[in-house]
Amino acid sequence: MDNIKFTPKDILQKEFKEKRMGNAYDPSDVDSFLDDIIKDYDTFTKEITRVQDENERLRAKVDELNRQVEVGSSVAPRSNNEQPVSSATNMDILKRLSNLERRVFGSQLDNNQSDSHLL
């Protein structure tokens, strides 16, 4: 945007030189001014196109990264931190079950063990 020569205010306030023959403007002065305006419009058009292309590219990249995050979060195994907790919980359950069996079936288990020695 550094190549822009005129602001809207510059264009509005532009005064052309009058030729000596009356109230007519110098055609070369008007043509030169219009040529500069055309160059500005070309620069604006190129800059707008570049920004639109960049915007489209960045939106596509954001969409792709969002898809990768979605796929990664649905496919990723549970963290390693959760597995030891699960294993510890399973061990606690087994110990409690064993203690409960001993209390409930304690005398029967002792009799069965002594009978198994007879075999």
PDB file of N, CA and C in Angstrom:
ATOM      1  N   MET A   1       0.818  -1.178   0.000  1.00  0.00           N
ATOM      2  CA  MET A   1       0.000   0.000   0.000  1.00  0.00           C
ATOM      3  C   MET A   1       0.879   1.265   0.000  1.00  0.00           C
ATOM      4  N   ASP A   2       2.174   1.089   0.025  1.00  0.00           N
ATOM      5  CA  ASP A   2       3.074   2.245   0.013  1.00  0.00           C
ATOM      6  C   ASP A   2       3.088   2.943  -1.346  1.00  0.00           C
ATOM      7  N   ASN A   3       2.624   2.250  -2.391  1.00  0.00           N
ATOM      8  CA  ASN A   3       2.645   2.824  -3.733  1.00  0.00           C
ATOM      9  C   ASN A   3       1.443   3.716  -4.017  1.00  0.00           C
ATOM     10  N   ILE A   4       0.541   3.897  -3.075  1.00  0.00           N
ATOM     11  CA  ILE A   4      -0.660   4.695  -3.280  1.00  0.00           C
ATOM     12  C   ILE A   4      -0.293   6.179  -3.217  1.00  0.00           C
ATOM     13  N   LYS A   5      -0.656   6.896  -4.276  1.00  0.00           N
ATOM     14  CA  LYS A   5      -0.286   8.307  -4.356  1.00  0.00           C
ATOM     15  C   LYS A   5      -1.366   9.238  -3.820  1.00  0.00           C
ATOM     16  N   PHE A   6      -2.628   8.832  -3.911  1.00  0.00           N
ATOM     17  CA  PHE A   6      -3.710   9.754  -3.588  1.00  0.00           C
ATOM     18  C   PHE A   6      -4.658   9.185  -2.551  1.00  0.00           C
ATOM     19  N   THR A   7      -5.097  10.085  -1.693  1.00  0.00           N
ATOM     20  CA  THR A   7      -6.188   9.758  -0.779  1.00  0.00           C
ATOM     21  C   THR A   7      -7.473  10.278  -1.427  1.00  0.00           C
ATOM     22  N   PRO A   8      -8.620   9.845  -0.955  1.00  0.00           N
ATOM     23  CA  PRO A   8      -9.861  10.402  -1.514  1.00  0.00           C
ATOM     24  C   PRO A   8      -9.905  11.933  -1.413  1.00  0.00           C
ATOM     25  N   LYS A   9      -9.339  12.475  -0.349  1.00  0.00           N
ATOM     26  CA  LYS A   9      -9.313  13.933  -0.175  1.00  0.00           C
ATOM     27  C   LYS A   9      -8.448  14.589  -1.255  1.00  0.00           C
ATOM     28  N   ASP A  10      -7.305  13.943  -1.603  1.00  0.00           N
ATOM     29  CA  ASP A  10      -6.432  14.483  -2.653  1.00  0.00           C
ATOM     30  C   ASP A  10      -7.169  14.562  -3.985  1.00  0.00           C
ATOM     31  N   ILE A  11      -7.913  13.525  -4.300  1.00  0.00           N
ATOM     32  CA  ILE A  11      -8.637  13.490  -5.575  1.00  0.00           C
ATOM     33  C   ILE A  11      -9.713  14.576  -5.588  1.00  0.00           C
ATOM     34  N   LEU A  12     -10.424  14.702  -4.478  1.00  0.00           N
ATOM     35  CA  LEU A  12     -11.499  15.688  -4.392  1.00  0.00           C
ATOM     36  C   LEU A  12     -10.966  17.116  -4.519  1.00  0.00           C
ATOM     37  N   GLN A  13      -9.813  17.378  -3.962  1.00  0.00           N
ATOM     38  CA  GLN A  13      -9.284  18.744  -3.937  1.00  0.00           C
ATOM     39  C   GLN A  13      -8.337  19.066  -5.104  1.00  0.00           C
ATOM     40  N   LYS A  14      -8.169  18.132  -6.019  1.00  0.00           N
ATOM     41  CA  LYS A  14      -7.250  18.358  -7.147  1.00  0.00           C
ATOM     42  C   LYS A  14      -7.753  19.514  -8.012  1.00  0.00           C
ATOM     43  N   GLU A  15      -6.868  20.455  -8.285  1.00  0.00           N
ATOM     44  CA  GLU A  15      -7.181  21.572  -9.180  1.00  0.00           C
ATOM     45  C   GLU A  15      -6.258  21.480 -10.386  1.00  0.00           C
ATOM     46  N   PHE A  16      -6.869  21.493 -11.561  1.00  0.00           N
ATOM     47  CA  PHE A  16      -6.101  21.420 -12.798  1.00  0.00           C
ATOM     48  C   PHE A  16      -5.743  22.832 -13.259  1.00  0.00           C
ATOM     49  N   LYS A  17      -4.600  22.932 -13.941  1.00  0.00           N
ATOM     50  CA  LYS A  17      -4.161  24.222 -14.486  1.00  0.00           C
ATOM     51  C   LYS A  17      -5.037  24.568 -15.690  1.00  0.00           C
ATOM     52  N   GLU A  18      -5.364  25.830 -15.780  1.00  0.00           N
ATOM     53  CA  GLU A  18      -6.143  26.274 -16.936  1.00  0.00           C
ATOM     54  C   GLU A  18      -5.189  26.749 -18.024  1.00  0.00           C
ATOM     55  N   LYS A  19      -5.579  26.469 -19.261  1.00  0.00           N
ATOM     56  CA  LYS A  19      -4.782  26.968 -20.387  1.00  0.00           C
ATOM     57  C   LYS A  19      -5.069  28.449 -20.576  1.00  0.00           C
ATOM     58  N   ARG A  20      -4.223  29.132 -21.243  1.00  0.00           N
ATOM     59  CA  ARG A  20      -4.351  30.580 -21.430  1.00  0.00           C
ATOM     60  C   ARG A  20      -5.532  30.950 -22.331  1.00  0.00           C
ATOM     61  N   MET A  21      -6.043  30.014 -23.059  1.00  0.00           N
ATOM     62  CA  MET A  21      -7.088  30.334 -24.024  1.00  0.00           C
ATOM     63  C   MET A  21      -8.475  30.438 -23.389  1.00  0.00           C
ATOM     64  N   GLY A  22      -8.625  30.331 -22.158  1.00  0.00           N
ATOM     65  CA  GLY A  22      -9.954  30.412 -21.575  1.00  0.00           C
ATOM     66  C   GLY A  22     -10.029  29.552 -20.334  1.00  0.00           C
ATOM     67  N   ASN A  23     -11.171  28.944 -20.152  1.00  0.00           N
ATOM     68  CA  ASN A  23     -11.415  28.153 -18.952  1.00  0.00           C
ATOM     69  C   ASN A  23     -11.157  26.660 -19.153  1.00  0.00           C
ATOM     70  N   ALA A  24     -10.468  26.248 -20.170  1.00  0.00           N
ATOM     71  CA  ALA A  24     -10.199  24.826 -20.434  1.00  0.00           C
ATOM     72  C   ALA A  24      -9.009  24.359 -19.595  1.00  0.00           C
ATOM     73  N   TYR A  25      -9.023  23.068 -19.295  1.00  0.00           N
ATOM     74  CA  TYR A  25      -7.912  22.472 -18.533  1.00  0.00           C
ATOM     75  C   TYR A  25      -6.871  21.946 -19.495  1.00  0.00           C
ATOM     76  N   ASP A  26      -5.647  21.864 -19.029  1.00  0.00           N
ATOM     77  CA  ASP A  26      -4.556  21.315 -19.833  1.00  0.00           C
ATOM     78  C   ASP A  26      -4.764  19.804 -19.945  1.00  0.00           C
ATOM     79  N   PRO A  27      -5.011  19.294 -21.141  1.00  0.00           N
ATOM     80  CA  PRO A  27      -5.282  17.857 -21.316  1.00  0.00           C
ATOM     81  C   PRO A  27      -4.149  16.964 -20.812  1.00  0.00           C
ATOM     82  N   SER A  28      -2.912  17.376 -20.963  1.00  0.00           N
ATOM     83  CA  SER A  28      -1.803  16.533 -20.492  1.00  0.00           C
ATOM     84  C   SER A  28      -1.791  16.465 -18.964  1.00  0.00           C
ATOM     85  N   ASP A  29      -2.185  17.558 -18.289  1.00  0.00           N
ATOM     86  CA  ASP A  29      -2.258  17.570 -16.826  1.00  0.00           C
ATOM     87  C   ASP A  29      -3.365  16.613 -16.346  1.00  0.00           C
ATOM     88  N   VAL A  30      -4.519  16.677 -17.004  1.00  0.00           N
ATOM     89  CA  VAL A  30      -5.638  15.792 -16.644  1.00  0.00           C
ATOM     90  C   VAL A  30      -5.260  14.339 -16.916  1.00  0.00           C
ATOM     91  N   ASP A  31      -4.665  14.071 -18.077  1.00  0.00           N
ATOM     92  CA  ASP A  31      -4.266  12.701 -18.420  1.00  0.00           C
ATOM     93  C   ASP A  31      -3.244  12.151 -17.430  1.00  0.00           C
ATOM     94  N   SER A  32      -2.288  12.975 -17.045  1.00  0.00           N
ATOM     95  CA  SER A  32      -1.269  12.543 -16.091  1.00  0.00           C
ATOM     96  C   SER A  32      -1.910  12.189 -14.747  1.00  0.00           C
ATOM     97  N   PHE A  33      -2.846  13.040 -14.298  1.00  0.00           N
ATOM     98  CA  PHE A  33      -3.533  12.771 -13.033  1.00  0.00           C
ATOM     99  C   PHE A  33      -4.341  11.474 -13.124  1.00  0.00           C
ATOM    100  N   LEU A  34      -5.065  11.297 -14.214  1.00  0.00           N
ATOM    101  CA  LEU A  34      -5.870  10.082 -14.388  1.00  0.00           C
ATOM    102  C   LEU A  34      -4.983   8.839 -14.490  1.00  0.00           C
ATOM    103  N   ASP A  35      -3.822   8.962 -15.117  1.00  0.00           N
ATOM    104  CA  ASP A  35      -2.888   7.833 -15.181  1.00  0.00           C
ATOM    105  C   ASP A  35      -2.443   7.414 -13.783  1.00  0.00           C
ATOM    106  N   ASP A  36      -2.176   8.402 -12.936  1.00  0.00           N
ATOM    107  CA  ASP A  36      -1.777   8.093 -11.556  1.00  0.00           C
ATOM    108  C   ASP A  36      -2.921   7.419 -10.788  1.00  0.00           C
ATOM    109  N   ILE A  37      -4.143   7.882 -11.027  1.00  0.00           N
ATOM    110  CA  ILE A  37      -5.301   7.256 -10.371  1.00  0.00           C
ATOM    111  C   ILE A  37      -5.453   5.807 -10.831  1.00  0.00           C
ATOM    112  N   ILE A  38      -5.266   5.573 -12.120  1.00  0.00           N
ATOM    113  CA  ILE A  38      -5.366   4.209 -12.655  1.00  0.00           C
ATOM    114  C   ILE A  38      -4.310   3.315 -12.011  1.00  0.00           C
ATOM    115  N   LYS A  39      -3.102   3.833 -11.844  1.00  0.00           N
ATOM    116  CA  LYS A  39      -2.045   3.054 -11.183  1.00  0.00           C
ATOM    117  C   LYS A  39      -2.446   2.717  -9.747  1.00  0.00           C
ATOM    118  N   ASP A  40      -3.034   3.692  -9.049  1.00  0.00           N
ATOM    119  CA  ASP A  40      -3.499   3.427  -7.684  1.00  0.00           C
ATOM    120  C   ASP A  40      -4.567   2.333  -7.672  1.00  0.00           C
ATOM    121  N   TYR A  41      -5.502   2.422  -8.593  1.00  0.00           N
ATOM    122  CA  TYR A  41      -6.549   1.405  -8.645  1.00  0.00           C
ATOM    123  C   TYR A  41      -5.964   0.027  -8.937  1.00  0.00           C
ATOM    124  N   ASP A  42      -4.987  -0.034  -9.820  1.00  0.00           N
ATOM    125  CA  ASP A  42      -4.325  -1.317 -10.089  1.00  0.00           C
ATOM    126  C   ASP A  42      -3.653  -1.851  -8.826  1.00  0.00           C
ATOM    127  N   THR A  43      -2.980  -0.958  -8.101  1.00  0.00           N
ATOM    128  CA  THR A  43      -2.320  -1.362  -6.858  1.00  0.00           C
ATOM    129  C   THR A  43      -3.343  -1.853  -5.841  1.00  0.00           C
ATOM    130  N   PHE A  44      -4.452  -1.114  -5.702  1.00  0.00           N
ATOM    131  CA  PHE A  44      -5.508  -1.538  -4.776  1.00  0.00           C
ATOM    132  C   PHE A  44      -6.071  -2.901  -5.170  1.00  0.00           C
ATOM    133  N   THR A  45      -6.312  -3.086  -6.452  1.00  0.00           N
ATOM    134  CA  THR A  45      -6.877  -4.348  -6.926  1.00  0.00           C
ATOM    135  C   THR A  45      -5.936  -5.510  -6.633  1.00  0.00           C
ATOM    136  N   LYS A  46      -4.658  -5.324  -6.898  1.00  0.00           N
ATOM    137  CA  LYS A  46      -3.682  -6.382  -6.620  1.00  0.00           C
ATOM    138  C   LYS A  46      -3.600  -6.679  -5.126  1.00  0.00           C
ATOM    139  N   GLU A  47      -3.607  -5.642  -4.305  1.00  0.00           N
ATOM    140  CA  GLU A  47      -3.522  -5.822  -2.853  1.00  0.00           C
ATOM    141  C   GLU A  47      -4.775  -6.529  -2.323  1.00  0.00           C
ATOM    142  N   ILE A  48      -5.919  -6.143  -2.818  1.00  0.00           N
ATOM    143  CA  ILE A  48      -7.162  -6.795  -2.390  1.00  0.00           C
ATOM    144  C   ILE A  48      -7.147  -8.266  -2.781  1.00  0.00           C
ATOM    145  N   THR A  49      -6.718  -8.561  -3.996  1.00  0.00           N
ATOM    146  CA  THR A  49      -6.642  -9.951  -4.450  1.00  0.00           C
ATOM    147  C   THR A  49      -5.662 -10.745  -3.600  1.00  0.00           C
ATOM    148  N   ARG A  50      -4.519 -10.161  -3.294  1.00  0.00           N
ATOM    149  CA  ARG A  50      -3.524 -10.846  -2.465  1.00  0.00           C
ATOM    150  C   ARG A  50      -4.079 -11.137  -1.073  1.00  0.00           C
ATOM    151  N   VAL A  51      -4.737 -10.158  -0.480  1.00  0.00           N
ATOM    152  CA  VAL A  51      -5.289 -10.337   0.866  1.00  0.00           C
ATOM    153  C   VAL A  51      -6.410 -11.382   0.853  1.00  0.00           C
ATOM    154  N   GLN A  52      -7.234 -11.372  -0.180  1.00  0.00           N
ATOM    155  CA  GLN A  52      -8.301 -12.370  -0.283  1.00  0.00           C
ATOM    156  C   GLN A  52      -7.717 -13.775  -0.431  1.00  0.00           C
ATOM    157  N   ASP A  53      -6.680 -13.909  -1.253  1.00  0.00           N
ATOM    158  CA  ASP A  53      -6.029 -15.215  -1.414  1.00  0.00           C
ATOM    159  C   ASP A  53      -5.417 -15.688  -0.102  1.00  0.00           C
ATOM    160  N   GLU A  54      -4.748 -14.775   0.590  1.00  0.00           N
ATOM    161  CA  GLU A  54      -4.146 -15.129   1.873  1.00  0.00           C
ATOM    162  C   GLU A  54      -5.222 -15.514   2.887  1.00  0.00           C
ATOM    163  N   ASN A  55      -6.305 -14.781   2.894  1.00  0.00           N
ATOM    164  CA  ASN A  55      -7.415 -15.077   3.800  1.00  0.00           C
ATOM    165  C   ASN A  55      -7.985 -16.465   3.512  1.00  0.00           C
ATOM    166  N   GLU A  56      -8.174 -16.778   2.250  1.00  0.00           N
ATOM    167  CA  GLU A  56      -8.693 -18.097   1.864  1.00  0.00           C
ATOM    168  C   GLU A  56      -7.723 -19.208   2.278  1.00  0.00           C
ATOM    169  N   ARG A  57      -6.435 -18.976   2.051  1.00  0.00           N
ATOM    170  CA  ARG A  57      -5.422 -19.969   2.419  1.00  0.00           C
ATOM    171  C   ARG A  57      -5.408 -20.188   3.932  1.00  0.00           C
ATOM    172  N   LEU A  58      -5.475 -19.113   4.695  1.00  0.00           N
ATOM    173  CA  LEU A  58      -5.450 -19.231   6.156  1.00  0.00           C
ATOM    174  C   LEU A  58      -6.718 -19.900   6.689  1.00  0.00           C
ATOM    175  N   ARG A  59      -7.861 -19.611   6.083  1.00  0.00           N
ATOM    176  CA  ARG A  59      -9.104 -20.280   6.500  1.00  0.00           C
ATOM    177  C   ARG A  59      -9.019 -21.786   6.238  1.00  0.00           C
ATOM    178  N   ALA A  60      -8.459 -22.145   5.083  1.00  0.00           N
ATOM    179  CA  ALA A  60      -8.301 -23.567   4.769  1.00  0.00           C
ATOM    180  C   ALA A  60      -7.361 -24.230   5.771  1.00  0.00           C
ATOM    181  N   LYS A  61      -6.305 -23.537   6.148  1.00  0.00           N
ATOM    182  CA  LYS A  61      -5.355 -24.083   7.122  1.00  0.00           C
ATOM    183  C   LYS A  61      -6.020 -24.255   8.484  1.00  0.00           C
ATOM    184  N   VAL A  62      -6.817 -23.279   8.901  1.00  0.00           N
ATOM    185  CA  VAL A  62      -7.537 -23.380  10.178  1.00  0.00           C
ATOM    186  C   VAL A  62      -8.500 -24.562  10.147  1.00  0.00           C
ATOM    187  N   ASP A  63      -9.228 -24.719   9.030  1.00  0.00           N
ATOM    188  CA  ASP A  63     -10.152 -25.854   8.903  1.00  0.00           C
ATOM    189  C   ASP A  63      -9.406 -27.178   9.000  1.00  0.00           C
ATOM    190  N   GLU A  64      -8.264 -27.272   8.328  1.00  0.00           N
ATOM    191  CA  GLU A  64      -7.472 -28.509   8.359  1.00  0.00           C
ATOM    192  C   GLU A  64      -6.966 -28.789   9.770  1.00  0.00           C
ATOM    193  N   LEU A  65      -6.474 -27.777  10.447  1.00  0.00           N
ATOM    194  CA  LEU A  65      -5.984 -27.969  11.817  1.00  0.00           C
ATOM    195  C   LEU A  65      -7.121 -28.358  12.761  1.00  0.00           C
ATOM    196  N   ASN A  66      -8.297 -27.778  12.569  1.00  0.00           N
ATOM    197  CA  ASN A  66      -9.449 -28.167  13.390  1.00  0.00           C
ATOM    198  C   ASN A  66      -9.819 -29.626  13.147  1.00  0.00           C
ATOM    199  N   ARG A  67      -9.765 -30.064  11.886  1.00  0.00           N
ATOM    200  CA  ARG A  67     -10.050 -31.475  11.577  1.00  0.00           C
ATOM    201  C   ARG A  67      -9.024 -32.390  12.236  1.00  0.00           C
ATOM    202  N   GLN A  68      -7.757 -31.990  12.204  1.00  0.00           N
ATOM    203  CA  GLN A  68      -6.714 -32.803  12.829  1.00  0.00           C
ATOM    204  C   GLN A  68      -6.929 -32.903  14.333  1.00  0.00           C
ATOM    205  N   VAL A  69      -7.341 -31.813  14.949  1.00  0.00           N
ATOM    206  CA  VAL A  69      -7.598 -31.826  16.393  1.00  0.00           C
ATOM    207  C   VAL A  69      -8.765 -32.752  16.703  1.00  0.00           C
ATOM    208  N   GLU A  70      -9.836 -32.682  15.899  1.00  0.00           N
ATOM    209  CA  GLU A  70     -10.993 -33.547  16.121  1.00  0.00           C
ATOM    210  C   GLU A  70     -10.615 -35.013  15.968  1.00  0.00           C
ATOM    211  N   VAL A  71      -9.883 -35.334  14.908  1.00  0.00           N
ATOM    212  CA  VAL A  71      -9.474 -36.722  14.676  1.00  0.00           C
ATOM    213  C   VAL A  71      -8.528 -37.176  15.773  1.00  0.00           C
ATOM    214  N   GLY A  72      -7.589 -36.334  16.144  1.00  0.00           N
ATOM    215  CA  GLY A  72      -6.616 -36.690  17.181  1.00  0.00           C
ATOM    216  C   GLY A  72      -7.271 -36.925  18.519  1.00  0.00           C
ATOM    217  N   SER A  73      -8.252 -36.114  18.856  1.00  0.00           N
ATOM    218  CA  SER A  73      -8.885 -36.284  20.167  1.00  0.00           C
ATOM    219  C   SER A  73      -9.794 -37.499  20.200  1.00  0.00           C
ATOM    220  N   SER A  74     -10.369 -37.890  19.058  1.00  0.00           N
ATOM    221  CA  SER A  74     -11.240 -39.063  19.065  1.00  0.00           C
ATOM    222  C   SER A  74     -10.453 -40.366  18.940  1.00  0.00           C
ATOM    223  N   VAL A  75      -9.279 -40.319  18.336  1.00  0.00           N
ATOM    224  CA  VAL A  75      -8.480 -41.527  18.119  1.00  0.00           C
ATOM    225  C   VAL A  75      -7.459 -41.746  19.226  1.00  0.00           C
ATOM    226  N   ALA A  76      -7.033 -40.686  19.860  1.00  0.00           N
ATOM    227  CA  ALA A  76      -5.951 -40.779  20.850  1.00  0.00           C
ATOM    228  C   ALA A  76      -6.341 -41.691  22.004  1.00  0.00           C
ATOM    229  N   PRO A  77      -5.421 -42.567  22.402  1.00  0.00           N
ATOM    230  CA  PRO A  77      -5.707 -43.421  23.558  1.00  0.00           C
ATOM    231  C   PRO A  77      -5.775 -42.573  24.814  1.00  0.00           C
ATOM    232  N   ARG A  78      -6.376 -43.138  25.821  1.00  0.00           N
ATOM    233  CA  ARG A  78      -6.445 -42.403  27.079  1.00  0.00           C
ATOM    234  C   ARG A  78      -5.034 -42.183  27.598  1.00  0.00           C
ATOM    235  N   SER A  79      -4.888 -41.159  28.349  1.00  0.00           N
ATOM    236  CA  SER A  79      -3.548 -40.818  28.826  1.00  0.00           C
ATOM    237  C   SER A  79      -3.019 -41.901  29.755  1.00  0.00           C
ATOM    238  N   ASN A  80      -1.704 -41.963  29.840  1.00  0.00           N
ATOM    239  CA  ASN A  80      -1.053 -42.956  30.696  1.00  0.00           C
ATOM    240  C   ASN A  80      -1.373 -42.729  32.162  1.00  0.00           C
ATOM    241  N   ASN A  81      -1.715 -41.511  32.524  1.00  0.00           N
ATOM    242  CA  ASN A  81      -2.043 -41.214  33.916  1.00  0.00           C
ATOM    243  C   ASN A  81      -3.317 -41.917  34.351  1.00  0.00           C
ATOM    244  N   GLU A  82      -4.255 -42.123  33.434  1.00  0.00           N
ATOM    245  CA  GLU A  82      -5.518 -42.755  33.790  1.00  0.00           C
ATOM    246  C   GLU A  82      -5.357 -44.259  33.985  1.00  0.00           C
ATOM    247  N   GLN A  83      -4.443 -44.895  33.287  1.00  0.00           N
ATOM    248  CA  GLN A  83      -4.288 -46.341  33.371  1.00  0.00           C
ATOM    249  C   GLN A  83      -3.801 -46.801  34.740  1.00  0.00           C
ATOM    250  N   PRO A  84      -2.801 -46.199  35.353  1.00  0.00           N
ATOM    251  CA  PRO A  84      -2.400 -46.636  36.689  1.00  0.00           C
ATOM    252  C   PRO A  84      -3.519 -46.452  37.708  1.00  0.00           C
ATOM    253  N   VAL A  85      -4.278 -45.408  37.593  1.00  0.00           N
ATOM    254  CA  VAL A  85      -5.392 -45.195  38.510  1.00  0.00           C
ATOM    255  C   VAL A  85      -6.390 -46.323  38.349  1.00  0.00           C
ATOM    256  N   SER A  86      -6.657 -46.686  37.103  1.00  0.00           N
ATOM    257  CA  SER A  86      -7.583 -47.782  36.834  1.00  0.00           C
ATOM    258  C   SER A  86      -7.036 -49.094  37.395  1.00  0.00           C
ATOM    259  N   SER A  87      -5.755 -49.355  37.216  1.00  0.00           N
ATOM    260  CA  SER A  87      -5.139 -50.578  37.739  1.00  0.00           C
ATOM    261  C   SER A  87      -5.186 -50.599  39.259  1.00  0.00           C
ATOM    262  N   ALA A  88      -4.905 -49.475  39.878  1.00  0.00           N
ATOM    263  CA  ALA A  88      -4.948 -49.398  41.337  1.00  0.00           C
ATOM    264  C   ALA A  88      -6.365 -49.635  41.831  1.00  0.00           C
ATOM    265  N   THR A  89      -7.332 -49.106  41.138  1.00  0.00           N
ATOM    266  CA  THR A  89      -8.728 -49.317  41.521  1.00  0.00           C
ATOM    267  C   THR A  89      -9.096 -50.790  41.392  1.00  0.00           C
ATOM    268  N   ASN A  90      -8.655 -51.431  40.339  1.00  0.00           N
ATOM    269  CA  ASN A  90      -8.929 -52.865  40.160  1.00  0.00           C
ATOM    270  C   ASN A  90      -8.301 -53.686  41.281  1.00  0.00           C
ATOM    271  N   MET A  91      -7.078 -53.344  41.668  1.00  0.00           N
ATOM    272  CA  MET A  91      -6.424 -54.073  42.763  1.00  0.00           C
ATOM    273  C   MET A  91      -7.189 -53.886  44.069  1.00  0.00           C
ATOM    274  N   ASP A  92      -7.651 -52.667  44.328  1.00  0.00           N
ATOM    275  CA  ASP A  92      -8.433 -52.413  45.541  1.00  0.00           C
ATOM    276  C   ASP A  92      -9.712 -53.240  45.541  1.00  0.00           C
ATOM    277  N   ILE A  93     -10.365 -53.309  44.403  1.00  0.00           N
ATOM    278  CA  ILE A  93     -11.604 -54.094  44.310  1.00  0.00           C
ATOM    279  C   ILE A  93     -11.321 -55.566  44.575  1.00  0.00           C
ATOM    280  N   LEU A  94     -10.244 -56.091  44.000  1.00  0.00           N
ATOM    281  CA  LEU A  94      -9.905 -57.504  44.216  1.00  0.00           C
ATOM    282  C   LEU A  94      -9.596 -57.785  45.688  1.00  0.00           C
ATOM    283  N   LYS A  95      -8.870 -56.888  46.331  1.00  0.00           N
ATOM    284  CA  LYS A  95      -8.561 -57.070  47.755  1.00  0.00           C
ATOM    285  C   LYS A  95      -9.828 -57.038  48.592  1.00  0.00           C
ATOM    286  N   ARG A  96     -10.707 -56.111  48.310  1.00  0.00           N
ATOM    287  CA  ARG A  96     -11.956 -56.024  49.065  1.00  0.00           C
ATOM    288  C   ARG A  96     -12.811 -57.269  48.855  1.00  0.00           C
ATOM    289  N   LEU A  97     -12.857 -57.725  47.621  1.00  0.00           N
ATOM    290  CA  LEU A  97     -13.633 -58.937  47.326  1.00  0.00           C
ATOM    291  C   LEU A  97     -13.061 -60.135  48.072  1.00  0.00           C
ATOM    292  N   SER A  98     -11.752 -60.240  48.077  1.00  0.00           N
ATOM    293  CA  SER A  98     -11.108 -61.342  48.795  1.00  0.00           C
ATOM    294  C   SER A  98     -11.410 -61.267  50.287  1.00  0.00           C
ATOM    295  N   ASN A  99     -11.311 -60.083  50.868  1.00  0.00           N
ATOM    296  CA  ASN A  99     -11.626 -59.911  52.294  1.00  0.00           C
ATOM    297  C   ASN A  99     -13.086 -60.244  52.578  1.00  0.00           C
ATOM    298  N   LEU A 100     -13.972 -59.820  51.696  1.00  0.00           N
ATOM    299  CA  LEU A 100     -15.393 -60.105  51.878  1.00  0.00           C
ATOM    300  C   LEU A 100     -15.660 -61.604  51.804  1.00  0.00           C
ATOM    301  N   GLU A 101     -15.035 -62.282  50.853  1.00  0.00           N
ATOM    302  CA  GLU A 101     -15.210 -63.737  50.744  1.00  0.00           C
ATOM    303  C   GLU A 101     -14.715 -64.434  52.003  1.00  0.00           C
ATOM    304  N   ARG A 102     -13.605 -63.995  52.543  1.00  0.00           N
ATOM    305  CA  ARG A 102     -13.085 -64.610  53.763  1.00  0.00           C
ATOM    306  C   ARG A 102     -14.052 -64.425  54.924  1.00  0.00           C
ATOM    307  N   ARG A 103     -14.651 -63.263  55.023  1.00  0.00           N
ATOM    308  CA  ARG A 103     -15.581 -63.011  56.125  1.00  0.00           C
ATOM    309  C   ARG A 103     -16.871 -63.814  55.961  1.00  0.00           C
ATOM    310  N   VAL A 104     -17.398 -63.800  54.737  1.00  0.00           N
ATOM    311  CA  VAL A 104     -18.679 -64.477  54.520  1.00  0.00           C
ATOM    312  C   VAL A 104     -18.498 -65.987  54.475  1.00  0.00           C
ATOM    313  N   PHE A 105     -17.529 -66.428  53.732  1.00  0.00           N
ATOM    314  CA  PHE A 105     -17.344 -67.866  53.537  1.00  0.00           C
ATOM    315  C   PHE A 105     -16.128 -68.390  54.282  1.00  0.00           C
ATOM    316  N   GLY A 106     -15.666 -67.677  55.245  1.00  0.00           N
ATOM    317  CA  GLY A 106     -14.438 -68.028  55.950  1.00  0.00           C
ATOM    318  C   GLY A 106     -14.411 -69.448  56.466  1.00  0.00           C
ATOM    319  N   SER A 107     -15.405 -69.860  57.211  1.00  0.00           N
ATOM    320  CA  SER A 107     -15.390 -71.212  57.790  1.00  0.00           C
ATOM    321  C   SER A 107     -15.528 -72.264  56.711  1.00  0.00           C
ATOM    322  N   GLN A 108     -16.291 -71.986  55.682  1.00  0.00           N
ATOM    323  CA  GLN A 108     -16.456 -72.957  54.600  1.00  0.00           C
ATOM    324  C   GLN A 108     -15.169 -73.097  53.796  1.00  0.00           C
ATOM    325  N   LEU A 109     -14.486 -71.976  53.583  1.00  0.00           N
ATOM    326  CA  LEU A 109     -13.236 -72.022  52.830  1.00  0.00           C
ATOM    327  C   LEU A 109     -12.182 -72.818  53.592  1.00  0.00           C
ATOM    328  N   ASP A 110     -12.146 -72.642  54.922  1.00  0.00           N
ATOM    329  CA  ASP A 110     -11.180 -73.380  55.725  1.00  0.00           C
ATOM    330  C   ASP A 110     -11.473 -74.871  55.659  1.00  0.00           C
ATOM    331  N   ASN A 111     -12.745 -75.287  55.715  1.00  0.00           N
ATOM    332  CA  ASN A 111     -13.127 -76.699  55.636  1.00  0.00           C
ATOM    333  C   ASN A 111     -12.790 -77.275  54.275  1.00  0.00           C
ATOM    334  N   ASN A 112     -13.026 -76.517  53.218  1.00  0.00           N
ATOM    335  CA  ASN A 112     -12.735 -76.999  51.871  1.00  0.00           C
ATOM    336  C   ASN A 112     -11.238 -77.162  51.664  1.00  0.00           C
ATOM    337  N   GLN A 113     -10.458 -76.293  52.251  1.00  0.00           N
ATOM    338  CA  GLN A 113      -9.013 -76.398  52.097  1.00  0.00           C
ATOM    339  C   GLN A 113      -8.490 -77.624  52.833  1.00  0.00           C
ATOM    340  N   SER A 114      -9.053 -77.892  54.014  1.00  0.00           N
ATOM    341  CA  SER A 114      -8.586 -79.072  54.740  1.00  0.00           C
ATOM    342  C   SER A 114      -9.041 -80.345  54.042  1.00  0.00           C
ATOM    343  N   ASP A 115     -10.206 -80.331  53.395  1.00  0.00           N
ATOM    344  CA  ASP A 115     -10.683 -81.484  52.640  1.00  0.00           C
ATOM    345  C   ASP A 115      -9.843 -81.703  51.394  1.00  0.00           C
ATOM    346  N   SER A 116      -9.365 -80.663  50.811  1.00  0.00           N
ATOM    347  CA  SER A 116      -8.571 -80.808  49.593  1.00  0.00           C
ATOM    348  C   SER A 116      -7.228 -81.452  49.894  1.00  0.00           C
ATOM    349  N   HIS A 117      -6.752 -81.336  51.141  1.00  0.00           N
ATOM    350  CA  HIS A 117      -5.499 -81.992  51.504  1.00  0.00           C
ATOM    351  C   HIS A 117      -5.696 -83.494  51.613  1.00  0.00           C
ATOM    352  N   LEU A 118      -6.909 -83.916  51.855  1.00  0.00           N
ATOM    353  CA  LEU A 118      -7.191 -85.338  51.980  1.00  0.00           C
ATOM    354  C   LEU A 118      -7.130 -86.037  50.637  1.00  0.00           C
ATOM    355  N   LEU A 119      -7.349 -85.321  49.599  1.00  0.00           N
ATOM    356  CA  LEU A 119      -7.354 -85.937  48.281  1.00  0.00           C
ATOM    357  C   LEU A 119      -5.998 -86.233  47.839  1.00  0.00           C
TER     358      LEU A 119
END
